[in-house]
C-alpha atoms as a PDB file:
ATOM      1  CA  UNK A   1      -8.310  42.577   2.355  1.00  0.00           C
ATOM      2  CA  UNK A   2     -10.381  42.850   5.549  1.00  0.00           C
ATOM      3  CA  UNK A   3     -10.127  46.642   5.638  1.00  0.00           C
ATOM      4  CA  UNK A   4     -11.185  46.958   1.996  1.00  0.00           C
ATOM      5  CA  UNK A   5     -13.960  44.338   1.791  1.00  0.00           C
ATOM      6  CA  UNK A   6     -15.280  44.577   5.344  1.00  0.00           C
ATOM      7  CA  UNK A   7     -15.196  40.790   5.790  1.00  0.00           C
ATOM      8  CA  UNK A   8     -12.860  38.194   7.293  1.00  0.00           C
ATOM      9  CA  UNK A   9     -12.669  34.869   5.459  1.00  0.00           C
ATOM     10  CA  UNK A  10     -12.876  32.121   8.065  1.00  0.00           C
ATOM     11  CA  UNK A  11     -13.171  28.798   6.259  1.00  0.00           C
ATOM     12  CA  UNK A  12     -12.919  27.102   2.895  1.00  0.00           C
ATOM     13  CA  UNK A  13     -14.427  23.636   2.568  1.00  0.00           C
ATOM     14  CA  UNK A  14     -15.176  21.163  -0.193  1.00  0.00           C
ATOM     15  CA  UNK A  15     -18.862  20.197   0.100  1.00  0.00           C
ATOM     16  CA  UNK A  16     -21.628  18.699  -2.012  1.00  0.00           C
ATOM     17  CA  UNK A  17     -19.796  15.418  -2.672  1.00  0.00           C
ATOM     18  CA  UNK A  18     -16.779  17.374  -3.944  1.00  0.00           C
ATOM     19  CA  UNK A  19     -18.713  19.446  -6.479  1.00  0.00           C
ATOM     20  CA  UNK A  20     -18.803  22.707  -4.508  1.00  0.00           C
ATOM     21  CA  UNK A  21     -16.453  24.853  -2.463  1.00  0.00           C
ATOM     22  CA  UNK A  22     -17.971  26.816   0.407  1.00  0.00           C
ATOM     23  CA  UNK A  23     -16.154  29.995   1.422  1.00  0.00           C
ATOM     24  CA  UNK A  24     -17.311  31.349   4.785  1.00  0.00           C
ATOM     25  CA  UNK A  25     -16.772  34.889   6.015  1.00  0.00           C
ATOM     26  CA  UNK A  26     -17.656  37.075   8.992  1.00  0.00           C
ATOM     27  CA  UNK A  27     -18.894  40.644   8.541  1.00  0.00           C
ATOM     28  CA  UNK A  28     -16.596  43.259  10.091  1.00  0.00           C
ATOM     29  CA  UNK A  29     -17.981  46.430   8.474  1.00  0.00           C
ATOM     30  CA  UNK A  30     -21.597  46.273   7.285  1.00  0.00           C
ATOM     31  CA  UNK A  31     -21.318  49.035   4.684  1.00  0.00           C
ATOM     32  CA  UNK A  32     -18.223  47.559   3.001  1.00  0.00           C
ATOM     33  CA  UNK A  33     -19.542  44.002   3.349  1.00  0.00           C
ATOM     34  CA  UNK A  34     -22.817  44.983   1.666  1.00  0.00           C
ATOM     35  CA  UNK A  35     -20.898  46.416  -1.289  1.00  0.00           C
ATOM     36  CA  UNK A  36     -18.779  43.227  -1.397  1.00  0.00           C
ATOM     37  CA  UNK A  37     -21.825  40.954  -1.284  1.00  0.00           C
ATOM     38  CA  UNK A  38     -23.776  42.971  -3.856  1.00  0.00           C
ATOM     39  CA  UNK A  39     -20.937  42.889  -6.413  1.00  0.00           C
ATOM     40  CA  UNK A  40     -22.212  39.718  -8.074  1.00  0.00           C
ATOM     41  CA  UNK A  41     -20.142  40.293 -11.223  1.00  0.00           C
ATOM     42  CA  UNK A  42     -16.790  40.223  -9.380  1.00  0.00           C
ATOM     43  CA  UNK A  43     -16.789  37.535  -6.680  1.00  0.00           C
ATOM     44  CA  UNK A  44     -13.415  36.487  -5.265  1.00  0.00           C
ATOM     45  CA  UNK A  45     -11.558  33.800  -7.209  1.00  0.00           C
ATOM     46  CA  UNK A  46     -10.153  30.700  -5.558  1.00  0.00           C
ATOM     47  CA  UNK A  47      -6.853  29.331  -6.877  1.00  0.00           C
ATOM     48  CA  UNK A  48      -5.364  26.019  -5.817  1.00  0.00           C
ATOM     49  CA  UNK A  49      -1.800  26.917  -4.801  1.00  0.00           C
ATOM     50  CA  UNK A  50      -0.468  23.463  -5.760  1.00  0.00           C
ATOM     51  CA  UNK A  51      -2.061  22.994  -9.191  1.00  0.00           C
ATOM     52  CA  UNK A  52      -2.968  26.569 -10.163  1.00  0.00           C
ATOM     53  CA  UNK A  53      -6.536  25.475 -11.018  1.00  0.00           C
ATOM     54  CA  UNK A  54      -9.333  27.988 -10.404  1.00  0.00           C
ATOM     55  CA  UNK A  55     -12.825  27.943  -8.944  1.00  0.00           C
ATOM     56  CA  UNK A  56     -14.485  31.162 -10.009  1.00  0.00           C
ATOM     57  CA  UNK A  57     -18.183  30.503 -10.700  1.00  0.00           C
ATOM     58  CA  UNK A  58     -19.869  31.633  -7.494  1.00  0.00           C
ATOM     59  CA  UNK A  59     -23.390  31.743  -6.127  1.00  0.00           C
ATOM     60  CA  UNK A  60     -23.761  34.504  -3.561  1.00  0.00           C
ATOM     61  CA  UNK A  61     -25.769  33.984  -0.377  1.00  0.00           C
ATOM     62  CA  UNK A  62     -28.185  36.893  -0.664  1.00  0.00           C
ATOM     63  CA  UNK A  63     -29.822  38.055   2.539  1.00  0.00           C
ATOM     64  CA  UNK A  64     -33.303  39.525   2.731  1.00  0.00           C
ATOM     65  CA  UNK A  65     -32.160  41.825   5.534  1.00  0.00           C
ATOM     66  CA  UNK A  66     -29.223  43.985   6.495  1.00  0.00           C
ATOM     67  CA  UNK A  67     -25.902  42.335   7.207  1.00  0.00           C
ATOM     68  CA  UNK A  68     -24.924  42.168  10.869  1.00  0.00           C
ATOM     69  CA  UNK A  69     -21.399  42.644  12.247  1.00  0.00           C
ATOM     70  CA  UNK A  70     -20.049  39.372  13.625  1.00  0.00           C
ATOM     71  CA  UNK A  71     -22.538  37.297  11.622  1.00  0.00           C
ATOM     72  CA  UNK A  72     -21.211  34.513   9.381  1.00  0.00           C
ATOM     73  CA  UNK A  73     -22.192  34.250   5.696  1.00  0.00           C
ATOM     74  CA  UNK A  74     -20.949  32.187   2.752  1.00  0.00           C
ATOM     75  CA  UNK A  75     -20.279  31.972  -0.968  1.00  0.00           C
ATOM     76  CA  UNK A  76     -20.631  28.726  -2.929  1.00  0.00           C
ATOM     77  CA  UNK A  77     -18.361  27.954  -5.877  1.00  0.00           C
ATOM     78  CA  UNK A  78     -18.670  25.339  -8.569  1.00  0.00           C
ATOM     79  CA  UNK A  79     -15.618  23.139  -8.074  1.00  0.00           C
ATOM     80  CA  UNK A  80     -14.773  22.961 -11.798  1.00  0.00           C
ATOM     81  CA  UNK A  81     -13.364  19.495 -12.514  1.00  0.00           C
ATOM     82  CA  UNK A  82     -12.322  18.978  -8.890  1.00  0.00           C
ATOM     83  CA  UNK A  83      -9.953  21.959  -9.028  1.00  0.00           C
ATOM     84  CA  UNK A  84      -9.852  22.151  -5.225  1.00  0.00           C
ATOM     85  CA  UNK A  85      -9.628  19.188  -2.865  1.00  0.00           C
ATOM     86  CA  UNK A  86      -9.681  18.727   0.896  1.00  0.00           C
ATOM     87  CA  UNK A  87      -6.205  19.330   2.297  1.00  0.00           C
ATOM     88  CA  UNK A  88      -5.207  21.782  -0.456  1.00  0.00           C
ATOM     89  CA  UNK A  89      -4.258  25.387   0.243  1.00  0.00           C
ATOM     90  CA  UNK A  90      -5.896  28.099  -1.810  1.00  0.00           C
ATOM     91  CA  UNK A  91      -5.319  31.736  -2.601  1.00  0.00           C
ATOM     92  CA  UNK A  92      -8.381  33.993  -2.442  1.00  0.00           C
ATOM     93  CA  UNK A  93      -8.151  36.886  -4.908  1.00  0.00           C
ATOM     94  CA  UNK A  94     -10.434  39.915  -5.037  1.00  0.00           C
ATOM     95  CA  UNK A  95      -9.215  42.514  -7.516  1.00  0.00           C
ATOM     96  CA  UNK A  96      -5.611  43.336  -6.560  1.00  0.00           C
ATOM     97  CA  UNK A  97      -6.052  41.902  -3.042  1.00  0.00           C
ATOM     98  CA  UNK A  98      -4.822  38.395  -2.201  1.00  0.00           C
ATOM     99  CA  UNK A  99      -5.071  36.095   0.786  1.00  0.00           C
ATOM    100  CA  UNK A 100      -2.707  33.131   0.465  1.00  0.00           C
ATOM    101  CA  UNK A 101      -2.285  29.751   2.175  1.00  0.00           C
ATOM    102  CA  UNK A 102      -5.942  29.256   3.163  1.00  0.00           C
ATOM    103  CA  UNK A 103      -6.404  25.597   4.170  1.00  0.00           C
ATOM    104  CA  UNK A 104      -9.315  23.684   2.649  1.00  0.00           C
ATOM    105  CA  UNK A 105     -11.366  21.360   4.831  1.00  0.00           C
END
């Protein structure tokens, strides 16, 4: 997933009194990461591995400047009906790529 998207997911956390999920990532390749960040119609999906519930409605953190390698950015997801809770493990899916067993803070 890192080689394709140009980012490394570093943290998933329930925020906003449980109503949002923040997914943090670090830019590895600015060109690929820019394409990833600009694809607003296909953000990664978050699936709770225990319940199978999804968080998929995302708000992208849009920068007014070029992405920088090593810099941290984030996506915010609506936590539909409390689909994801602290302590859960999620699977991040982007097209055919999957990253499993991501702990949620």
